Every structure is written in C-alpha cells, then in structure tokens.
Amino acid sequence: MSLNGKVSLVGAGCGDYDLITVRGMRLLSECDVVIYDALIDTRLLSFAKNAEKINVGKRAGKHSETQEEINSLLIKKAKEGKRVVRLKGGDPFVFGRGSEEAIALMKANIEFEAVPGISSAIAAAEAAGIPVTHRNLSRSFEVITASTSQEEFTPNFFRLASSDGTLIFMMGLKKISEIANKLILNGMDKNTPSAVISNGATSRQKTVRSPLCDIEKALEKNKPEAPAIFVVGKTAELNLKMQAQKKLTGVSICVVGTQSIVKRLSILLEEDGAMVFSLPCLEIIKKQDSAKLKAALQEIEEFGCIAFTSANGVDVFFEALAKENIDLRKLNGKKIAAIGNGTAKAIRKYGIIADIVPNTHTSKDLANLLCELFDKNEKILIARAEDGSEELTKILDSNKMCYEDIKIYEARILKLNPPDNCDYYVFSSAKGVRAFFEIGGKIDENSDVICIGCSTQKELEKHGAKNIKAAKHSSIESIESTILLKEGKEKDAKI
C-alpha cells in the first residue's frame, strides 16, 4: 500500500473566487498544501485554512518557478503523504499546463485527479456579454494560445481567416496588433467585430471593442492590462449584459489584511461596483493548543470579564471553547468586552451581546474602561494576537488590575504581489500595514488611505503614507461609508 498523498489539479475558474466548482472548494478546505498560480483570486486561500500555501505563480516576464520545479514540488509534497491542491486559473487542461503536471505525476506513480474549472476563453467573453456561439452568427469557436514555450507564434492564419466561427486568442495582449494584421492579410474582412477583455469576470474587467482594422488604435487609447483574451468574430459585436451604474463603479481599491476581513470587505465593496484588489497578506495561525489557553479555559469561571481586541480573536476563542468541550453556559454572568463594533459583531455570531464597547475603538480606551468598571481584584481574561498593543497591558498594570493576557493567535505574512496605483488603500491593522510594506507595497501620493484605529494610522504615518482617513467605527461597514463620503456619495454613507 502506497504511503504517498494525492494531488488534485483544480481549476479555480476565471475571475472572482466564487466561480470555482463545489468540488474544488471542498478539496481546498480539506488539503494539507495548496500550490497556486498568479492568476487566482487570492481570497480562495482563506478556504484552505490550515494548509501550507506556496505561490509558484508565473506572469509574463516574471517567471518565479519553472514548470519542472513545479512538477518536482508536487511530487515531493505528495511523497510526504500530503493532500495537495494544485490551484490553477481557469481550467487546468486549457493552456494551463495541467497535462504536463499530470504526466509527471503518473511517471512518479502519484495518485491525482483533475477538477475542471471555467476557462477564461468562455467565461471572460461571457462576462463581457459576448457569447462564443450564437445561432445564425457562430456555430463553433476555436481557442488559440499566443504564448508558447518556444516563444514562436505561427498558427495557420489562412485557415483562421476563413473561419465562420468565433476565434479566441489567449495570453497574447502584446501580439493583438500582429494577430489582427495577419488575419486581414490572409483574407478576413477588416470590419470583422473584435473585442479585448482584460481581468475577465472580476470587478476590474475592462472590455475594448473595435472593428479588426482599428483594434490597435483602440488598445492605445484604452490601455487594457494582462491577463486578457482577444475575441474575433460576429458575436464580438454583441453586448448581452445589463449595464448598472453602482456607487463605486470605476473606483479601484486595494484591501489589505487577514484573509477573513479581506474577503468580507471585498464582497461589500464589489457589490458597490468597486474594482477590488484583494491582498490577504496576513494568515491567522491559531494557538488553540497552548497550555496557557487550555488552563484558562478550564478555569473560565474564575474570570469576571473576557476582553477581545479583534474579530479573529473572537473566532479563535470560541473555537477553542468548543474544542475543549466547555459549555457556553459557563460564561453566564461574565462581562464581555469588545474593542470596537466589528469585534462586537463577531461576538454576536455566537449568540452573545458585548457588554462593554468603548466610544473610541483603541486599546487605550478599552483599557481605561476596564479600569473604570472593574475592581482591582476582579480577574480579566484578554484573548488577543501575539503582537497585540502593549498600551493595553501598560494601563492595566499602572492601575494594578488583575488580568491574564493570553496570545491565542498570530498573523503570519504571506508573500503576495501588491497592486500599484489604486485610488484607495484600506488597512484594518498596524500589522497589515507592516506586512504591506514588507512585501514591497507602495502607495501613490495621489491615492487615499482608509484605516481602522489610531495604531494603524500611526503605523501608516511611520511608513510615510499621506492622505490618511480613519474610519469612524471599527467595522467594514464604516470603511465602506468612509470611502463613499470621500467619493461624494454622502447620501449612501451609513456612518
């Protein structure tokens, strides 16, 4: 019997994270290792909660790993007995080199499966309102890659030019002018409809339409960015898409933080029409098995108050309670403190309403409120992050308060690629600010910066950020409202 693990070659689909298949999502949630490429929506990584995450992404001109190195990594992790998800944009077998990985796994006698994803060849066009087939217009479609390992692009343009179906060229943004010229030279009508769709099926999608002969001028004017597909044929003239102008349409926003807050805030902003660049560069590492936490939970009745400084801390604490099989009724009579509205909202998920929430959501104000409301002999349990604010415990110490400060999680930095030139950059913690600049993030001087809390604002100022505005409340809704106010949408803001 083989002791090897298994590799799942999973297509993430084109565009937003929720276009992945149900099976792909399940495998992500169960895997030990996820090896992902550059074109996936990084919010998907939040579903692989306890997995090792390895970025082997390849972008034009920025190859970080060779295909042979990726094959070897898949085999190595599987031979360690791991359940491996190889997460690939689109479909793994449509110009995704999944077949090369499958062959390597077969040769190494590693069990694997391929899980289909929606290819950008179909999904990006569809999201732009372009059907790749349509009765009486196109009864077939052909997908051609403009990127090859030999760096040569030599399709049969004479045959392609005579096609009466839809042509879809992938990974060829820099070659679109060449493709258009060669199709015309080989007999295709110069007025054939064409379209370039970049960042397909995401809030950042951009569609440039033009007759084939004018596509070069249209690209110079609109400047779409990779990844992009080029659609040529009669259906490219169709626009089967309802146009709805939303509150933040055309506004680009980079959201930085833990996977949980990035996911929740990104969904909220995208519903408003924003072009969201998700940067979940902080991964929560739970410390549920620490001896100090276990001891405190077993003696939970000794505490008169439990204080939380983040929504992440709330989730880890209640998960630890369940893991230790401790009845929630043991919290009866204890005061629950939350640093802000976002943390209080997280507590409500567990059927408990926070008793104590300071008017201004800072460690200093939480500490002062605890000192005011509790007797020096009444024991307080603080459940928070490894690098939580020292100001909280300094104030408690200076007032000779009785407390136990337990670090129940830490935020580990993930090496992701930060975007440039966004209209807004959003930060929910000082740790997120440090992570952003550590991975090479830069904020344009014309960009606005929205943050939660004084410590986050101070950290931004330390890194030279300008145009900083702190949200009134510690919640994702307050962040959204702050951006709406900056955009002049006062009537839509709900501060």
Protein backbone atom coordinates (compact mmCIF):
# COMPACT_ATOMS: atom_id res chain seq x y z
CA MET A 1 0.00 0.00 0.00
CA SER A 2 1.38 3.40 -1.02
CA LEU A 3 2.04 5.92 1.71
CA ASN A 4 2.00 8.74 -0.83
CA GLY A 5 -0.55 11.51 -0.68
CA LYS A 6 -2.72 12.69 -3.53
CA VAL A 7 -2.62 15.67 -5.89
CA SER A 8 -5.75 17.41 -7.12
CA LEU A 9 -5.27 19.62 -10.20
CA VAL A 10 -8.05 22.10 -9.51
CA GLY A 11 -9.29 24.73 -11.94
CA ALA A 12 -10.15 27.88 -9.98
CA GLY A 13 -12.22 29.22 -12.84
CA CYS A 14 -11.86 32.61 -14.44
CA GLY A 15 -12.06 35.72 -12.31
CA ASP A 16 -13.71 36.06 -8.91
CA TYR A 17 -13.18 33.42 -6.24
CA ASP A 18 -16.81 32.25 -6.14
CA LEU A 19 -16.66 30.91 -9.70
CA ILE A 20 -14.78 27.81 -8.52
CA THR A 21 -16.65 24.48 -8.53
CA VAL A 22 -18.15 23.00 -5.37
CA ARG A 23 -15.72 20.09 -5.59
CA GLY A 24 -12.77 22.43 -5.97
CA MET A 25 -13.88 24.36 -2.88
CA ARG A 26 -14.24 21.13 -0.87
CA LEU A 27 -10.77 19.92 -1.83
CA LEU A 28 -9.33 23.29 -0.84
CA SER A 29 -10.93 23.07 2.59
CA GLU A 30 -9.51 19.55 3.14
CA CYS A 31 -5.98 19.87 1.73
CA ASP A 32 -2.65 19.99 3.58
CA VAL A 33 -0.85 22.01 0.90
CA VAL A 34 -2.11 24.41 -1.77
CA ILE A 35 0.27 25.30 -4.60
CA TYR A 36 -1.23 28.19 -6.51
CA ASP A 37 -0.52 30.35 -9.54
CA ALA A 38 -0.59 34.10 -10.15
CA LEU A 39 -4.00 34.33 -11.81
CA ILE A 40 -6.20 33.07 -8.99
CA ASP A 41 -8.28 35.29 -6.74
CA THR A 42 -6.24 35.07 -3.52
CA ARG A 43 -9.43 35.11 -1.43
CA LEU A 44 -9.63 31.42 -2.31
CA LEU A 45 -6.69 30.81 0.03
CA SER A 46 -8.90 31.57 3.03
CA PHE A 47 -10.76 28.31 2.40
CA ALA A 48 -7.52 26.33 2.82
CA LYS A 49 -7.42 27.42 6.46
CA ASN A 50 -4.85 25.00 7.84
CA ALA A 51 -2.88 24.32 4.68
CA GLU A 52 0.66 25.29 3.75
CA LYS A 53 0.39 27.86 0.95
CA ILE A 54 3.03 28.04 -1.79
CA ASN A 55 2.98 30.66 -4.54
CA VAL A 56 4.53 29.41 -7.80
CA GLY A 57 2.79 32.00 -9.96
CA LYS A 58 4.05 32.78 -13.41
CA ARG A 59 3.27 36.04 -15.18
CA ALA A 60 4.62 37.36 -18.44
CA GLY A 61 8.24 38.33 -17.91
CA LYS A 62 8.10 37.38 -14.21
CA HIS A 63 8.64 33.63 -14.03
CA SER A 64 9.20 32.63 -10.44
CA GLU A 65 9.31 28.84 -10.89
CA THR A 66 9.98 26.66 -13.94
CA GLN A 67 7.40 24.04 -14.85
CA GLU A 68 9.91 21.33 -13.97
CA GLU A 69 10.34 22.83 -10.49
CA ILE A 70 6.58 22.90 -10.00
CA ASN A 71 6.31 19.25 -11.08
CA SER A 72 9.04 18.30 -8.62
CA LEU A 73 7.33 20.23 -5.82
CA LEU A 74 4.03 18.45 -6.43
CA ILE A 75 5.76 15.07 -6.32
CA LYS A 76 7.78 15.98 -3.21
CA LYS A 77 4.73 17.11 -1.21
CA ALA A 78 2.70 14.08 -2.28
CA LYS A 79 5.53 11.74 -1.24
CA GLU A 80 5.38 13.33 2.20
CA GLY A 81 1.86 11.91 2.42
CA LYS A 82 0.17 15.28 1.92
CA ARG A 83 -3.15 16.03 0.27
CA VAL A 84 -2.08 18.58 -2.32
CA VAL A 85 -4.24 21.01 -4.28
CA ARG A 86 -2.58 22.48 -7.35
CA LEU A 87 -4.79 25.55 -7.83
CA LYS A 88 -4.72 26.91 -11.37
CA GLY A 89 -6.56 29.78 -13.03
CA GLY A 90 -9.29 28.78 -15.48
CA ASP A 91 -9.26 25.08 -16.37
CA PRO A 92 -6.13 23.01 -15.66
CA PHE A 93 -6.12 21.41 -19.10
CA VAL A 94 -6.90 24.52 -21.22
CA PHE A 95 -3.47 26.07 -21.78
CA GLY A 96 -2.85 25.61 -18.07
CA ARG A 97 -0.05 23.03 -18.44
CA GLY A 98 -2.04 20.75 -16.17
CA SER A 99 -1.47 17.92 -18.60
CA GLU A 100 2.30 18.27 -18.13
CA GLU A 101 1.83 18.06 -14.37
CA ALA A 102 -0.44 15.04 -14.77
CA ILE A 103 2.17 13.24 -16.90
CA ALA A 104 4.89 13.97 -14.30
CA LEU A 105 2.65 12.64 -11.51
CA MET A 106 1.84 9.49 -13.48
CA LYS A 107 5.55 8.81 -14.08
CA ALA A 108 6.18 9.22 -10.34
CA ASN A 109 3.26 6.86 -9.57
CA ILE A 110 1.45 9.60 -7.61
CA GLU A 111 -2.34 9.42 -7.41
CA PHE A 112 -4.01 12.51 -8.88
CA GLU A 113 -7.28 13.85 -10.19
CA ALA A 114 -8.21 16.78 -12.42
CA VAL A 115 -11.09 19.04 -11.38
CA PRO A 116 -12.44 21.18 -14.23
CA GLY A 117 -12.71 24.95 -13.99
CA ILE A 118 -14.39 27.50 -16.23
CA SER A 119 -11.84 28.57 -18.82
CA SER A 120 -11.34 32.29 -19.38
CA ALA A 121 -11.81 31.59 -23.08
CA ILE A 122 -15.52 31.22 -22.37
CA ALA A 123 -16.00 32.96 -19.01
CA ALA A 124 -14.29 36.29 -19.79
CA ALA A 125 -16.18 36.66 -23.06
CA GLU A 126 -19.47 35.73 -21.39
CA ALA A 127 -18.89 38.21 -18.53
CA ALA A 128 -18.43 40.92 -21.18
CA GLY A 129 -21.75 39.98 -22.78
CA ILE A 130 -20.14 38.11 -25.70
CA PRO A 131 -21.40 34.56 -26.38
CA VAL A 132 -18.78 32.42 -28.10
CA THR A 133 -21.57 30.72 -30.07
CA HIS A 134 -24.88 32.10 -31.30
CA ARG A 135 -27.31 30.63 -33.80
CA ASN A 136 -27.00 32.24 -37.25
CA LEU A 137 -23.82 34.09 -36.20
CA SER A 138 -21.34 31.48 -34.97
CA ARG A 139 -21.88 27.74 -34.70
CA SER A 140 -18.34 27.00 -33.45
CA PHE A 141 -15.43 28.55 -31.60
CA GLU A 142 -11.70 27.97 -31.62
CA VAL A 143 -9.25 28.74 -28.81
CA ILE A 144 -5.65 29.60 -29.72
CA THR A 145 -2.77 30.42 -27.39
CA ALA A 146 -0.49 33.27 -28.38
CA SER A 147 2.11 32.18 -25.83
CA THR A 148 4.34 29.17 -26.48
CA SER A 149 7.37 27.66 -24.76
CA GLN A 150 9.41 28.29 -27.93
CA GLU A 151 8.37 32.00 -27.97
CA GLU A 152 7.13 31.44 -31.56
CA PHE A 153 3.63 32.23 -32.72
CA THR A 154 2.92 30.54 -36.05
CA PRO A 155 -0.73 29.45 -36.33
CA ASN A 156 -2.27 28.84 -39.75
CA PHE A 157 -3.63 32.35 -40.31
CA PHE A 158 -5.02 31.44 -43.74
CA ARG A 159 -7.25 28.78 -42.18
CA LEU A 160 -8.18 31.02 -39.21
CA ALA A 161 -9.05 33.96 -41.51
CA SER A 162 -11.58 31.82 -43.39
CA SER A 163 -13.32 30.62 -40.21
CA ASP A 164 -17.02 31.38 -39.86
CA GLY A 165 -16.88 30.75 -36.10
CA THR A 166 -15.53 32.72 -33.16
CA LEU A 167 -11.77 32.94 -32.64
CA ILE A 168 -10.44 33.35 -29.11
CA PHE A 169 -6.75 34.18 -28.62
CA MET A 170 -5.41 33.75 -25.10
CA MET A 171 -2.29 35.15 -23.39
CA GLY A 172 -1.49 37.42 -26.30
CA LEU A 173 -2.12 41.03 -25.29
CA LYS A 174 1.22 42.14 -26.75
CA LYS A 175 0.51 40.31 -30.01
CA ILE A 176 -3.00 41.55 -30.77
CA SER A 177 -1.89 44.01 -33.45
CA GLU A 178 0.14 41.27 -35.14
CA ILE A 179 -2.82 38.86 -34.97
CA ALA A 180 -5.25 41.41 -36.40
CA ASN A 181 -2.91 42.36 -39.27
CA LYS A 182 -2.21 38.74 -40.24
CA LEU A 183 -5.91 37.82 -40.20
CA ILE A 184 -6.67 40.75 -42.54
CA LEU A 185 -3.69 39.95 -44.80
CA ASN A 186 -4.99 36.38 -45.09
CA GLY A 187 -8.42 37.41 -46.22
CA MET A 188 -10.56 38.24 -43.18
CA ASP A 189 -12.87 41.24 -43.57
CA LYS A 190 -11.16 44.22 -41.96
CA ASN A 191 -14.50 45.27 -40.38
CA THR A 192 -14.95 41.97 -38.54
CA PRO A 193 -16.02 42.75 -34.95
CA SER A 194 -13.38 42.13 -32.29
CA ALA A 195 -13.01 42.66 -28.54
CA VAL A 196 -10.27 42.56 -25.94
CA ILE A 197 -11.39 41.59 -22.43
CA SER A 198 -8.92 42.08 -19.58
CA ASN A 199 -9.30 40.86 -15.99
CA GLY A 200 -12.33 38.89 -17.10
CA ALA A 201 -15.15 38.03 -14.67
CA THR A 202 -13.81 40.34 -11.95
CA SER A 203 -14.75 43.81 -10.74
CA ARG A 204 -11.64 45.05 -12.64
CA GLN A 205 -12.90 43.77 -16.00
CA LYS A 206 -12.37 46.06 -18.96
CA THR A 207 -13.70 45.49 -22.46
CA VAL A 208 -12.38 47.23 -25.58
CA ARG A 209 -14.44 46.71 -28.76
CA SER A 210 -13.45 47.68 -32.27
CA PRO A 211 -13.52 46.55 -35.91
CA LEU A 212 -10.49 44.35 -36.51
CA CYS A 213 -8.69 47.03 -38.54
CA ASP A 214 -8.88 49.60 -35.71
CA ILE A 215 -8.12 47.41 -32.71
CA GLU A 216 -4.54 48.70 -32.39
CA LYS A 217 -5.76 52.32 -32.03
CA ALA A 218 -8.44 51.23 -29.57
CA LEU A 219 -5.85 49.50 -27.40
CA GLU A 220 -3.57 52.54 -27.44
CA LYS A 221 -6.47 54.67 -26.25
CA ASN A 222 -7.86 52.35 -23.55
CA LYS A 223 -4.72 50.50 -22.41
CA PRO A 224 -6.14 47.21 -21.08
CA GLU A 225 -3.77 45.14 -18.95
CA ALA A 226 -2.94 41.44 -18.75
CA PRO A 227 -4.43 38.91 -18.37
CA ALA A 228 -6.58 39.40 -21.44
CA ILE A 229 -8.27 37.47 -24.22
CA PHE A 230 -8.85 38.62 -27.82
CA VAL A 231 -12.19 37.64 -29.40
CA VAL A 232 -12.68 37.88 -33.17
CA GLY A 233 -15.91 37.14 -34.98
CA LYS A 234 -19.52 38.23 -35.45
CA THR A 235 -20.52 37.52 -31.83
CA ALA A 236 -17.92 40.05 -30.58
CA GLU A 237 -20.35 42.76 -31.68
CA LEU A 238 -23.00 41.53 -29.21
CA ASN A 239 -23.32 43.04 -25.74
CA LEU A 240 -25.67 40.77 -23.82
CA LYS A 241 -25.04 42.46 -20.49
CA MET A 242 -27.19 44.73 -18.39
CA GLN A 243 -25.34 47.94 -17.57
CA ALA A 244 -25.89 49.07 -13.97
CA GLN A 245 -24.10 52.11 -12.62
CA LYS A 246 -23.20 51.42 -8.99
CA LYS A 247 -21.98 53.74 -6.24
CA LEU A 248 -18.29 52.89 -6.63
CA THR A 249 -18.16 51.96 -10.32
CA GLY A 250 -14.67 52.63 -11.70
CA VAL A 251 -13.07 53.14 -8.27
CA SER A 252 -10.04 50.91 -7.60
CA ILE A 253 -9.46 49.77 -4.01
CA CYS A 254 -6.69 47.62 -2.55
CA VAL A 255 -7.86 45.82 0.61
CA VAL A 256 -5.04 44.66 2.93
CA GLY A 257 -5.33 42.42 5.97
CA THR A 258 -6.23 38.93 7.12
CA GLN A 259 -7.99 36.57 4.75
CA SER A 260 -11.24 36.91 6.71
CA ILE A 261 -11.54 40.70 6.68
CA VAL A 262 -10.25 41.00 3.11
CA LYS A 263 -12.88 38.56 1.90
CA ARG A 264 -15.76 40.24 3.76
CA LEU A 265 -14.78 43.78 2.83
CA SER A 266 -14.03 42.88 -0.80
CA ILE A 267 -17.51 41.40 -1.23
CA LEU A 268 -19.09 44.54 0.27
CA LEU A 269 -17.10 46.92 -1.96
CA GLU A 270 -17.60 44.84 -5.11
CA GLU A 271 -21.35 44.92 -4.55
CA ASP A 272 -20.97 48.71 -4.77
CA GLY A 273 -19.17 48.30 -8.12
CA ALA A 274 -15.59 48.91 -6.97
CA MET A 275 -12.59 47.33 -8.69
CA VAL A 276 -11.16 45.49 -5.68
CA PHE A 277 -7.59 44.21 -5.44
CA SER A 278 -7.65 41.67 -2.63
CA LEU A 279 -4.38 41.40 -0.69
CA PRO A 280 -4.89 38.89 2.15
CA CYS A 281 -1.23 39.06 3.16
CA LEU A 282 -1.83 38.05 6.78
CA GLU A 283 -2.60 34.44 7.61
CA ILE A 284 -4.08 33.65 11.03
CA ILE A 285 -2.19 30.91 12.89
CA LYS A 286 -4.32 29.66 15.78
CA LYS A 287 -2.80 28.75 19.13
CA GLN A 288 -5.67 26.67 20.45
CA ASP A 289 -3.33 24.01 21.81
CA SER A 290 -1.27 26.32 24.02
CA ALA A 291 -1.08 25.15 27.63
CA LYS A 292 -1.85 28.67 28.90
CA LEU A 293 -5.07 28.92 26.90
CA LYS A 294 -6.22 25.43 27.89
CA ALA A 295 -5.61 26.20 31.57
CA ALA A 296 -7.54 29.48 31.33
CA LEU A 297 -10.48 27.80 29.62
CA GLN A 298 -10.65 25.10 32.29
CA GLU A 299 -10.73 27.86 34.93
CA ILE A 300 -13.03 30.17 32.94
CA GLU A 301 -15.40 30.59 35.89
CA GLU A 302 -12.67 32.47 37.79
CA PHE A 303 -12.77 35.40 35.35
CA GLY A 304 -15.23 38.26 35.74
CA CYS A 305 -14.60 39.66 32.26
CA ILE A 306 -13.36 38.41 28.89
CA ALA A 307 -11.91 41.10 26.62
CA PHE A 308 -11.42 40.81 22.85
CA THR A 309 -9.41 43.16 20.64
CA SER A 310 -10.29 41.67 17.22
CA ALA A 311 -12.85 39.57 15.39
CA ASN A 312 -10.12 36.99 14.70
CA GLY A 313 -9.54 36.61 18.46
CA VAL A 314 -13.27 36.07 18.98
CA ASP A 315 -13.40 33.25 16.44
CA VAL A 316 -10.29 31.51 17.76
CA PHE A 317 -11.52 31.77 21.39
CA PHE A 318 -14.95 30.26 20.74
CA GLU A 319 -13.49 27.54 18.52
CA ALA A 320 -11.12 26.68 21.39
CA LEU A 321 -14.06 26.53 23.83
CA ALA A 322 -15.80 24.02 21.57
CA LYS A 323 -12.60 22.02 21.09
CA GLU A 324 -12.14 21.75 24.87
CA ASN A 325 -15.81 20.70 25.19
CA ILE A 326 -16.61 23.60 27.51
CA ASP A 327 -20.29 24.52 27.84
CA LEU A 328 -21.07 28.11 26.76
CA ARG A 329 -23.28 28.43 29.85
CA LYS A 330 -20.08 28.71 31.90
CA LEU A 331 -19.81 32.26 30.52
CA ASN A 332 -23.06 33.16 32.29
CA GLY A 333 -22.67 36.29 34.41
CA LYS A 334 -19.32 37.30 32.90
CA LYS A 335 -18.92 40.68 31.24
CA ILE A 336 -17.79 40.57 27.61
CA ALA A 337 -15.69 43.46 26.31
CA ALA A 338 -15.02 44.30 22.65
CA ILE A 339 -12.58 46.93 21.37
CA GLY A 340 -14.99 48.08 18.65
CA ASN A 341 -18.15 47.46 16.65
CA GLY A 342 -16.53 44.94 14.30
CA THR A 343 -15.37 42.81 17.23
CA ALA A 344 -18.77 43.18 18.94
CA LYS A 345 -20.44 41.99 15.73
CA ALA A 346 -18.19 38.91 15.68
CA ILE A 347 -19.22 38.13 19.27
CA ARG A 348 -22.91 38.34 18.30
CA LYS A 349 -22.38 35.43 15.90
CA TYR A 350 -22.06 33.23 18.99
CA GLY A 351 -25.31 34.47 20.50
CA ILE A 352 -23.68 36.91 22.93
CA ILE A 353 -24.03 40.70 23.04
CA ALA A 354 -20.92 42.57 24.21
CA ASP A 355 -21.44 44.44 27.49
CA ILE A 356 -18.53 46.83 27.06
CA VAL A 357 -17.56 48.70 23.86
CA PRO A 358 -15.56 51.96 24.18
CA ASN A 359 -16.78 55.01 22.28
CA THR A 360 -13.42 55.29 20.52
CA HIS A 361 -12.05 51.98 19.41
CA THR A 362 -8.48 51.94 20.72
CA SER A 363 -6.51 49.78 23.14
CA LYS A 364 -6.08 52.82 25.35
CA ASP A 365 -9.81 53.47 25.64
CA LEU A 366 -10.60 49.80 26.19
CA ALA A 367 -8.01 49.61 28.97
CA ASN A 368 -9.30 52.77 30.67
CA LEU A 369 -12.87 51.48 30.52
CA LEU A 370 -11.86 48.15 32.07
CA CYS A 371 -10.08 50.00 34.87
CA GLU A 372 -13.14 52.13 35.47
CA LEU A 373 -15.68 49.29 35.52
CA PHE A 374 -13.86 46.54 37.37
CA ASP A 375 -12.48 46.09 40.83
CA LYS A 376 -8.72 45.54 41.07
CA ASN A 377 -9.31 42.03 42.43
CA GLU A 378 -11.68 41.02 39.64
CA LYS A 379 -9.82 38.87 37.13
CA ILE A 380 -9.90 39.83 33.42
CA LEU A 381 -9.06 37.43 30.58
CA ILE A 382 -7.63 39.12 27.48
CA ALA A 383 -7.72 36.94 24.35
CA ARG A 384 -5.78 38.52 21.51
CA ALA A 385 -2.98 38.40 18.93
CA GLU A 386 0.67 37.60 19.58
CA ASP A 387 1.76 41.16 18.83
CA GLY A 388 -1.18 42.97 20.44
CA SER A 389 -0.81 46.55 21.62
CA GLU A 390 1.42 46.99 24.69
CA GLU A 391 -0.60 50.05 25.67
CA LEU A 392 -3.48 47.86 26.84
CA THR A 393 -1.45 45.96 29.43
CA LYS A 394 0.61 49.01 30.44
CA ILE A 395 -2.53 50.83 31.53
CA LEU A 396 -3.86 47.77 33.33
CA ASP A 397 -0.51 47.37 35.13
CA SER A 398 -0.36 51.01 36.14
CA ASN A 399 -3.80 50.62 37.71
CA LYS A 400 -2.75 47.36 39.41
CA MET A 401 -5.53 45.42 37.67
CA CYS A 402 -5.70 41.63 37.86
CA TYR A 403 -5.62 40.12 34.37
CA GLU A 404 -4.33 37.28 32.23
CA ASP A 405 -3.09 38.20 28.76
CA ILE A 406 -3.25 35.15 26.50
CA LYS A 407 -1.93 35.21 22.94
CA ILE A 408 -4.35 32.94 21.09
CA TYR A 409 -3.22 33.59 17.51
CA GLU A 410 -0.54 35.19 15.40
CA ALA A 411 -0.72 36.79 11.97
CA ARG A 412 1.90 35.39 9.58
CA ILE A 413 2.87 37.35 6.48
CA LEU A 414 2.11 35.82 3.06
CA LYS A 415 4.31 36.91 0.15
CA LEU A 416 1.71 38.22 -2.31
CA ASN A 417 2.09 40.80 -5.07
CA PRO A 418 0.69 44.21 -4.06
CA PRO A 419 -1.00 46.29 -6.79
CA ASP A 420 0.12 49.76 -7.84
CA ASN A 421 -1.80 52.99 -8.41
CA CYS A 422 -5.11 52.21 -6.71
CA ASP A 423 -7.50 55.04 -5.84
CA TYR A 424 -7.73 53.74 -2.27
CA TYR A 425 -5.69 51.51 0.03
CA VAL A 426 -7.54 50.05 3.02
CA PHE A 427 -5.86 48.75 6.19
CA SER A 428 -7.54 47.22 9.23
CA SER A 429 -4.47 46.78 11.49
CA ALA A 430 -0.95 48.03 12.11
CA LYS A 431 0.31 44.50 11.39
CA GLY A 432 -1.33 44.68 7.96
CA VAL A 433 0.49 47.97 7.29
CA ARG A 434 3.85 46.41 8.21
CA ALA A 435 3.11 43.35 6.07
CA PHE A 436 2.15 45.50 3.07
CA PHE A 437 5.41 47.42 3.07
CA GLU A 438 7.46 44.31 3.89
CA ILE A 439 6.24 42.57 0.71
CA GLY A 440 7.16 45.63 -1.37
CA GLY A 441 3.90 47.56 -1.37
CA LYS A 442 3.89 51.19 -2.44
CA ILE A 443 1.19 53.85 -2.12
CA ASP A 444 0.94 56.53 -4.80
CA GLU A 445 0.97 60.07 -3.43
CA ASN A 446 -2.40 60.72 -5.09
CA SER A 447 -4.05 57.68 -3.51
CA ASP A 448 -6.28 57.91 -0.44
CA VAL A 449 -5.66 55.65 2.55
CA ILE A 450 -8.50 54.41 4.77
CA CYS A 451 -7.75 52.66 8.07
CA ILE A 452 -9.25 51.39 11.30
CA GLY A 453 -7.81 52.65 14.59
CA CYS A 454 -5.16 55.06 15.83
CA SER A 455 -2.39 52.46 15.96
CA THR A 456 -2.97 51.62 12.29
CA GLN A 457 -2.88 55.30 11.38
CA LYS A 458 0.35 55.83 13.33
CA GLU A 459 1.96 52.86 11.57
CA LEU A 460 0.95 54.27 8.18
CA GLU A 461 2.45 57.64 9.10
CA LYS A 462 5.69 55.90 10.14
CA HIS A 463 5.90 54.47 6.60
CA GLY A 464 5.32 57.89 5.03
CA ALA A 465 1.72 57.38 3.89
CA LYS A 466 -0.28 60.52 3.09
CA ASN A 467 -3.98 61.31 2.69
CA ILE A 468 -4.95 59.05 5.61
CA LYS A 469 -8.51 58.95 6.88
CA ALA A 470 -9.52 56.79 9.86
CA ALA A 471 -12.97 55.20 9.72
CA LYS A 472 -15.29 56.41 12.47
CA HIS A 473 -16.05 52.90 13.69
CA SER A 474 -14.06 49.66 13.80
CA SER A 475 -16.10 47.81 11.16
CA ILE A 476 -16.07 47.03 7.47
CA GLU A 477 -19.32 48.97 7.06
CA SER A 478 -17.62 52.08 8.44
CA ILE A 479 -14.75 51.64 5.98
CA GLU A 480 -17.25 51.46 3.12
CA SER A 481 -19.03 54.58 4.38
CA THR A 482 -15.74 56.48 4.69
CA ILE A 483 -14.95 55.74 1.04
CA LEU A 484 -18.46 56.75 -0.04
CA LEU A 485 -18.06 60.07 1.78
CA LYS A 486 -14.70 60.67 0.06
CA GLU A 487 -16.37 59.91 -3.29
CA GLY A 488 -19.10 62.46 -2.57
CA LYS A 489 -21.79 59.81 -2.04
CA GLU A 490 -22.90 61.23 1.32
CA LYS A 491 -26.48 60.02 0.95
CA ASP A 492 -25.25 56.41 0.60
CA ALA A 493 -22.88 56.50 3.57
CA LYS A 494 -24.07 54.94 6.81
CA ILE A 495 -21.56 56.17 9.38
